[in-house]
Amino acid sequence: MSNLRNLRYQVKDLYKRLLFLGREYPLGYSYFYPKLKNAFMKNRNLTNEDEIKKAIDSGEYVIKELEALYYLKKYRAIKRAYYN
């Protein structure tokens, strides 16, 4: 029971972090939020701990990809500002 509770907090934390990262999504928050919600609603019926952990790992991967996208966006903006 304690492990399921821990997984629940991990899922909530993942959702909050993805919402935070979605504010700067290139296509806009109005595009990002429904996609995020649908992804979480699709997996809401998972009960097996291994499946939940696999879904959390997948979400962590998405976070890393979003962060890379934002760093690239920042890099390109700085490059445009200082170089021709």
N, C-alpha and C. Protein backbone atom coordinates (compact mmCIF):
# COMPACT_ATOMS: atom_id res chain seq x y z
N MET A 1 0.83 -1.20 0.00
CA MET A 1 0.00 0.00 0.00
C MET A 1 0.87 1.25 0.00
N SER A 2 1.94 1.22 0.77
CA SER A 2 2.81 2.38 0.86
C SER A 2 3.48 2.66 -0.48
N ASN A 3 3.84 1.60 -1.20
CA ASN A 3 4.49 1.78 -2.49
C ASN A 3 3.53 2.40 -3.51
N LEU A 4 2.27 2.01 -3.48
CA LEU A 4 1.28 2.62 -4.38
C LEU A 4 1.08 4.09 -4.06
N ARG A 5 1.11 4.42 -2.78
CA ARG A 5 0.97 5.82 -2.38
C ARG A 5 2.17 6.62 -2.88
N ASN A 6 3.34 6.03 -2.80
CA ASN A 6 4.55 6.68 -3.29
C ASN A 6 4.46 6.91 -4.81
N LEU A 7 3.97 5.91 -5.52
CA LEU A 7 3.80 6.05 -6.96
C LEU A 7 2.78 7.14 -7.30
N ARG A 8 1.76 7.25 -6.49
CA ARG A 8 0.74 8.28 -6.70
C ARG A 8 1.36 9.67 -6.61
N TYR A 9 2.22 9.87 -5.61
CA TYR A 9 2.89 11.16 -5.46
C TYR A 9 3.85 11.42 -6.62
N GLN A 10 4.50 10.38 -7.10
CA GLN A 10 5.39 10.54 -8.24
C GLN A 10 4.62 10.95 -9.49
N VAL A 11 3.44 10.37 -9.68
CA VAL A 11 2.62 10.71 -10.84
C VAL A 11 2.15 12.16 -10.73
N LYS A 12 1.71 12.57 -9.55
CA LYS A 12 1.28 13.95 -9.35
C LYS A 12 2.42 14.92 -9.61
N ASP A 13 3.60 14.59 -9.12
CA ASP A 13 4.76 15.44 -9.32
C ASP A 13 5.11 15.54 -10.80
N LEU A 14 5.06 14.43 -11.50
CA LEU A 14 5.32 14.40 -12.93
C LEU A 14 4.34 15.30 -13.67
N TYR A 15 3.07 15.21 -13.32
CA TYR A 15 2.03 16.02 -13.96
C TYR A 15 2.29 17.51 -13.72
N LYS A 16 2.64 17.86 -12.50
CA LYS A 16 2.91 19.26 -12.18
C LYS A 16 4.12 19.79 -12.94
N ARG A 17 5.17 18.98 -13.02
CA ARG A 17 6.36 19.42 -13.74
C ARG A 17 6.08 19.57 -15.23
N LEU A 18 5.29 18.66 -15.80
CA LEU A 18 4.95 18.78 -17.21
C LEU A 18 4.07 19.99 -17.47
N LEU A 19 3.14 20.29 -16.56
CA LEU A 19 2.33 21.49 -16.70
C LEU A 19 3.20 22.74 -16.68
N PHE A 20 4.18 22.75 -15.79
CA PHE A 20 5.08 23.89 -15.70
C PHE A 20 5.89 24.06 -16.98
N LEU A 21 6.41 22.96 -17.51
CA LEU A 21 7.19 23.02 -18.74
C LEU A 21 6.32 23.37 -19.95
N GLY A 22 5.05 23.02 -19.89
CA GLY A 22 4.15 23.28 -21.00
C GLY A 22 3.84 24.75 -21.21
N ARG A 23 4.14 25.58 -20.23
CA ARG A 23 3.86 27.01 -20.38
C ARG A 23 4.66 27.63 -21.51
N GLU A 24 5.85 27.10 -21.77
CA GLU A 24 6.73 27.66 -22.79
C GLU A 24 6.75 26.82 -24.07
N TYR A 25 5.79 25.92 -24.23
CA TYR A 25 5.78 25.06 -25.41
C TYR A 25 5.62 25.91 -26.66
N PRO A 26 6.37 25.61 -27.73
CA PRO A 26 6.33 26.46 -28.94
C PRO A 26 4.95 26.62 -29.56
N LEU A 27 4.12 25.61 -29.52
CA LEU A 27 2.78 25.72 -30.11
C LEU A 27 1.76 26.31 -29.14
N GLY A 28 2.20 26.61 -27.94
CA GLY A 28 1.32 27.25 -26.97
C GLY A 28 0.76 26.29 -25.94
N TYR A 29 0.39 26.86 -24.83
CA TYR A 29 -0.16 26.08 -23.71
C TYR A 29 -1.51 25.48 -24.08
N SER A 30 -2.27 26.20 -24.89
CA SER A 30 -3.59 25.69 -25.29
C SER A 30 -3.48 24.43 -26.15
N TYR A 31 -2.35 24.23 -26.80
CA TYR A 31 -2.11 23.00 -27.54
C TYR A 31 -1.56 21.91 -26.63
N PHE A 32 -0.68 22.31 -25.72
CA PHE A 32 0.03 21.36 -24.87
C PHE A 32 -0.87 20.73 -23.82
N TYR A 33 -1.70 21.53 -23.16
CA TYR A 33 -2.50 21.04 -22.03
C TYR A 33 -3.46 19.91 -22.41
N PRO A 34 -4.24 20.03 -23.49
CA PRO A 34 -5.12 18.89 -23.84
C PRO A 34 -4.36 17.61 -24.16
N LYS A 35 -3.20 17.76 -24.80
CA LYS A 35 -2.39 16.57 -25.11
C LYS A 35 -1.89 15.91 -23.83
N LEU A 36 -1.46 16.73 -22.89
CA LEU A 36 -0.99 16.20 -21.61
C LEU A 36 -2.11 15.51 -20.85
N LYS A 37 -3.25 16.16 -20.81
CA LYS A 37 -4.39 15.59 -20.09
C LYS A 37 -4.82 14.27 -20.70
N ASN A 38 -4.86 14.21 -22.03
CA ASN A 38 -5.25 12.96 -22.70
C ASN A 38 -4.26 11.84 -22.41
N ALA A 39 -2.98 12.18 -22.36
CA ALA A 39 -1.96 11.16 -22.08
C ALA A 39 -2.14 10.60 -20.67
N PHE A 40 -2.42 11.46 -19.71
CA PHE A 40 -2.61 10.98 -18.35
C PHE A 40 -3.93 10.25 -18.19
N MET A 41 -4.97 10.70 -18.87
CA MET A 41 -6.26 10.02 -18.77
C MET A 41 -6.21 8.64 -19.42
N LYS A 42 -5.39 8.50 -20.45
CA LYS A 42 -5.24 7.21 -21.12
C LYS A 42 -4.65 6.17 -20.16
N ASN A 43 -3.79 6.62 -19.26
CA ASN A 43 -3.11 5.70 -18.34
C ASN A 43 -3.70 5.70 -16.94
N ARG A 44 -4.86 6.27 -16.75
CA ARG A 44 -5.41 6.38 -15.40
C ARG A 44 -5.85 5.05 -14.81
N ASN A 45 -6.09 4.06 -15.64
CA ASN A 45 -6.57 2.77 -15.15
C ASN A 45 -5.45 1.77 -14.87
N LEU A 46 -4.21 2.21 -14.95
CA LEU A 46 -3.10 1.30 -14.67
C LEU A 46 -3.09 0.93 -13.19
N THR A 47 -2.94 -0.36 -12.89
CA THR A 47 -2.90 -0.80 -11.50
C THR A 47 -1.63 -1.56 -11.18
N ASN A 48 -1.00 -2.11 -12.19
CA ASN A 48 0.23 -2.86 -11.99
C ASN A 48 1.38 -1.87 -11.72
N GLU A 49 2.14 -2.12 -10.68
CA GLU A 49 3.22 -1.20 -10.30
C GLU A 49 4.27 -1.06 -11.39
N ASP A 50 4.58 -2.16 -12.06
CA ASP A 50 5.58 -2.11 -13.13
C ASP A 50 5.11 -1.24 -14.29
N GLU A 51 3.84 -1.35 -14.65
CA GLU A 51 3.30 -0.53 -15.73
C GLU A 51 3.30 0.95 -15.34
N ILE A 52 2.98 1.24 -14.10
CA ILE A 52 2.97 2.62 -13.62
C ILE A 52 4.39 3.19 -13.65
N LYS A 53 5.35 2.39 -13.21
CA LYS A 53 6.75 2.85 -13.23
C LYS A 53 7.22 3.08 -14.66
N LYS A 54 6.80 2.22 -15.58
CA LYS A 54 7.18 2.38 -16.98
C LYS A 54 6.57 3.67 -17.54
N ALA A 55 5.33 3.97 -17.17
CA ALA A 55 4.69 5.20 -17.63
C ALA A 55 5.37 6.43 -17.03
N ILE A 56 5.78 6.34 -15.77
CA ILE A 56 6.51 7.45 -15.13
C ILE A 56 7.84 7.67 -15.82
N ASP A 57 8.55 6.59 -16.15
CA ASP A 57 9.82 6.71 -16.87
C ASP A 57 9.62 7.36 -18.23
N SER A 58 8.53 7.01 -18.89
CA SER A 58 8.22 7.62 -20.17
C SER A 58 7.98 9.13 -20.02
N GLY A 59 7.28 9.50 -18.96
CA GLY A 59 7.05 10.91 -18.68
C GLY A 59 8.34 11.65 -18.37
N GLU A 60 9.24 11.00 -17.65
CA GLU A 60 10.55 11.61 -17.36
C GLU A 60 11.33 11.86 -18.65
N TYR A 61 11.21 10.92 -19.58
CA TYR A 61 11.86 11.08 -20.87
C TYR A 61 11.30 12.29 -21.61
N VAL A 62 9.99 12.46 -21.56
CA VAL A 62 9.35 13.61 -22.21
C VAL A 62 9.85 14.90 -21.59
N ILE A 63 10.02 14.92 -20.27
CA ILE A 63 10.55 16.11 -19.60
C ILE A 63 11.94 16.44 -20.12
N LYS A 64 12.78 15.43 -20.25
CA LYS A 64 14.14 15.67 -20.76
C LYS A 64 14.10 16.21 -22.19
N GLU A 65 13.21 15.67 -23.00
CA GLU A 65 13.08 16.15 -24.37
C GLU A 65 12.60 17.59 -24.42
N LEU A 66 11.64 17.94 -23.58
CA LEU A 66 11.15 19.32 -23.54
C LEU A 66 12.25 20.27 -23.08
N GLU A 67 13.01 19.87 -22.08
CA GLU A 67 14.10 20.72 -21.61
C GLU A 67 15.13 20.91 -22.72
N ALA A 68 15.44 19.87 -23.46
CA ALA A 68 16.38 20.00 -24.58
C ALA A 68 15.82 20.95 -25.63
N LEU A 69 14.53 20.87 -25.90
CA LEU A 69 13.89 21.76 -26.86
C LEU A 69 14.01 23.21 -26.40
N TYR A 70 13.81 23.46 -25.12
CA TYR A 70 13.87 24.82 -24.60
C TYR A 70 15.30 25.35 -24.60
N TYR A 71 16.28 24.49 -24.30
CA TYR A 71 17.68 24.92 -24.35
C TYR A 71 18.07 25.26 -25.78
N LEU A 72 17.60 24.49 -26.73
CA LEU A 72 17.88 24.76 -28.13
C LEU A 72 17.26 26.09 -28.55
N LYS A 73 16.05 26.33 -28.14
CA LYS A 73 15.36 27.59 -28.44
C LYS A 73 16.14 28.77 -27.86
N LYS A 74 16.61 28.63 -26.63
CA LYS A 74 17.38 29.68 -25.97
C LYS A 74 18.71 29.89 -26.70
N TYR A 75 19.37 28.80 -27.05
CA TYR A 75 20.64 28.88 -27.77
C TYR A 75 20.47 29.61 -29.09
N ARG A 76 19.42 29.29 -29.83
CA ARG A 76 19.20 29.93 -31.12
C ARG A 76 18.91 31.42 -30.96
N ALA A 77 18.17 31.78 -29.92
CA ALA A 77 17.89 33.19 -29.69
C ALA A 77 19.16 33.96 -29.35
N ILE A 78 20.02 33.37 -28.54
CA ILE A 78 21.28 34.03 -28.19
C ILE A 78 22.18 34.12 -29.42
N LYS A 79 22.22 33.08 -30.20
CA LYS A 79 23.04 33.09 -31.41
C LYS A 79 22.58 34.17 -32.37
N ARG A 80 21.27 34.32 -32.56
CA ARG A 80 20.74 35.37 -33.43
C ARG A 80 21.08 36.77 -32.89
N ALA A 81 21.09 36.91 -31.58
CA ALA A 81 21.35 38.21 -30.98
C ALA A 81 22.80 38.66 -31.15
N TYR A 82 23.72 37.71 -31.16
CA TYR A 82 25.14 38.09 -31.16
C TYR A 82 25.86 37.84 -32.47
N TYR A 83 25.30 37.04 -33.36
CA TYR A 83 25.98 36.73 -34.62
C TYR A 83 25.06 37.02 -35.80
N ASN A 84 25.68 37.29 -36.94
CA ASN A 84 24.89 37.58 -38.14
C ASN A 84 24.41 36.32 -38.77
